[in-house]
Amino acid sequence: MGLLFSRTSRSAMANPEIQNFIKNAVSQDKVVVFSKTYCPYCKLAKDIFQKINQPMKVIELDEREDGNSIQDNLASITGFRTVPQVFINGNCVGGGSDVQALHKAGKLEPMLIG
């Protein structure tokens, strides 16, 4: 499982406790979506996984006190701060539009096998 920890897009200090939470979350479930309840791109990604009957762990950042810190630390891992941030098998595959493009191209389901 190759999480990418190379780019930092914000000057916020990385929080080892939060980074461990993220690493543990993305390693325990095949699909993890860091989301916000009101975000249309988050809904898009979640709807696609529901449509193909793929179980997912959804972490709604706007419902957590540490949501902003998680989002800042995701930015240090993935290089972008926007949501959703979708992980499959521990690897970030991007956001809602990226999941939609993978699905339309027939590449999403093969990523979920195994």
Protein backbone atom coordinates (compact mmCIF):
# COMPACT_ATOMS: atom_id res chain seq x y z
CA MET A 1 0.00 0.00 0.00
CA GLY A 2 1.82 3.06 -1.21
CA LEU A 3 0.58 6.22 0.41
CA LEU A 4 2.21 9.25 -1.10
CA PHE A 5 3.92 11.44 1.51
CA SER A 6 6.01 13.67 -0.71
CA ARG A 7 4.23 16.95 -1.41
CA THR A 8 2.98 19.51 1.05
CA SER A 9 0.56 22.08 -0.31
CA ARG A 10 0.08 23.95 2.96
CA SER A 11 2.45 25.25 5.56
CA ALA A 12 0.47 23.60 8.36
CA MET A 13 2.54 21.26 10.46
CA ALA A 14 1.81 17.60 9.88
CA ASN A 15 0.22 15.99 12.91
CA PRO A 16 1.59 12.46 13.45
CA GLU A 17 -1.52 11.38 15.38
CA ILE A 18 -3.85 12.52 12.60
CA GLN A 19 -1.57 11.03 9.92
CA ASN A 20 -1.69 7.70 11.77
CA PHE A 21 -5.50 7.95 11.86
CA ILE A 22 -5.53 8.51 8.08
CA LYS A 23 -3.07 5.67 7.41
CA ASN A 24 -5.05 3.29 9.61
CA ALA A 25 -8.36 4.30 8.03
CA VAL A 26 -7.20 3.77 4.45
CA SER A 27 -5.51 0.47 5.28
CA GLN A 28 -8.55 -1.08 7.02
CA ASP A 29 -11.10 -0.69 4.24
CA LYS A 30 -10.88 -1.25 0.48
CA VAL A 31 -12.60 2.09 -0.24
CA VAL A 32 -12.35 5.13 2.03
CA VAL A 33 -13.94 8.47 1.17
CA PHE A 34 -12.96 11.59 3.10
CA SER A 35 -16.03 13.70 2.49
CA LYS A 36 -18.20 16.60 3.58
CA THR A 37 -21.94 16.05 3.86
CA TYR A 38 -22.89 19.09 1.73
CA CYS A 39 -20.33 18.62 -1.06
CA PRO A 40 -21.81 17.67 -4.47
CA TYR A 41 -18.54 16.05 -5.64
CA CYS A 42 -18.50 13.94 -2.47
CA LYS A 43 -22.08 12.86 -3.21
CA LEU A 44 -21.04 12.00 -6.77
CA ALA A 45 -18.25 9.70 -5.57
CA LYS A 46 -20.39 8.04 -2.89
CA ASP A 47 -23.27 7.55 -5.33
CA ILE A 48 -20.99 5.76 -7.82
CA PHE A 49 -19.75 3.32 -5.18
CA GLN A 50 -23.34 2.71 -4.02
CA LYS A 51 -24.45 2.16 -7.64
CA ILE A 52 -21.86 -0.59 -8.11
CA ASN A 53 -22.61 -2.04 -4.64
CA GLN A 54 -19.11 -1.34 -3.34
CA PRO A 55 -18.95 -1.00 0.44
CA MET A 56 -17.01 2.06 1.57
CA LYS A 57 -15.96 3.77 4.74
CA VAL A 58 -17.05 7.41 4.66
CA ILE A 59 -15.42 9.91 6.98
CA GLU A 60 -17.50 13.10 7.01
CA LEU A 61 -15.01 15.81 7.91
CA ASP A 62 -17.67 18.43 8.63
CA GLU A 63 -19.13 16.19 11.35
CA ARG A 64 -15.83 15.80 13.23
CA GLU A 65 -14.11 18.25 15.57
CA ASP A 66 -10.76 17.26 14.03
CA GLY A 67 -12.11 17.49 10.45
CA ASN A 68 -10.04 20.54 9.50
CA SER A 69 -6.89 18.94 10.89
CA ILE A 70 -7.63 15.74 8.96
CA GLN A 71 -8.14 17.79 5.79
CA ASP A 72 -4.85 19.69 6.36
CA ASN A 73 -2.99 16.42 6.89
CA LEU A 74 -4.60 14.84 3.82
CA ALA A 75 -3.20 17.78 1.86
CA SER A 76 0.29 16.97 3.10
CA ILE A 77 -0.20 13.35 1.98
CA THR A 78 -1.96 13.77 -1.36
CA GLY A 79 -0.95 17.28 -2.42
CA PHE A 80 -4.52 18.61 -2.57
CA ARG A 81 -6.92 19.82 0.09
CA THR A 82 -10.25 19.52 -1.71
CA VAL A 83 -12.83 16.86 -0.93
CA PRO A 84 -13.66 14.19 -1.57
CA GLN A 85 -10.40 12.37 -1.29
CA VAL A 86 -11.01 8.79 -2.33
CA PHE A 87 -8.65 5.97 -1.42
CA ILE A 88 -8.81 2.51 -2.96
CA ASN A 89 -6.56 -0.18 -1.49
CA GLY A 90 -4.65 2.51 0.42
CA ASN A 91 -3.93 4.68 -2.61
CA CYS A 92 -5.54 8.03 -3.33
CA VAL A 93 -7.31 7.93 -6.69
CA GLY A 94 -8.48 11.55 -6.53
CA GLY A 95 -11.86 13.15 -6.06
CA GLY A 96 -15.42 12.86 -7.33
CA SER A 97 -14.68 13.70 -10.95
CA ASP A 98 -11.75 11.28 -10.93
CA VAL A 99 -13.94 8.45 -9.60
CA GLN A 100 -16.56 9.28 -12.22
CA ALA A 101 -13.95 9.22 -15.01
CA LEU A 102 -12.55 5.88 -13.79
CA HIS A 103 -16.06 4.45 -13.68
CA LYS A 104 -16.99 5.71 -17.17
CA ALA A 105 -13.73 4.34 -18.58
CA GLY A 106 -14.39 0.91 -17.06
CA LYS A 107 -11.31 1.18 -14.84
CA LEU A 108 -12.93 1.55 -11.42
CA GLU A 109 -14.34 -1.96 -10.93
CA PRO A 110 -11.03 -3.70 -11.82
CA MET A 111 -9.34 -1.61 -9.10
CA LEU A 112 -11.78 -3.05 -6.56
CA ILE A 113 -11.11 -6.72 -7.32
CA GLY A 114 -8.88 -8.59 -4.92
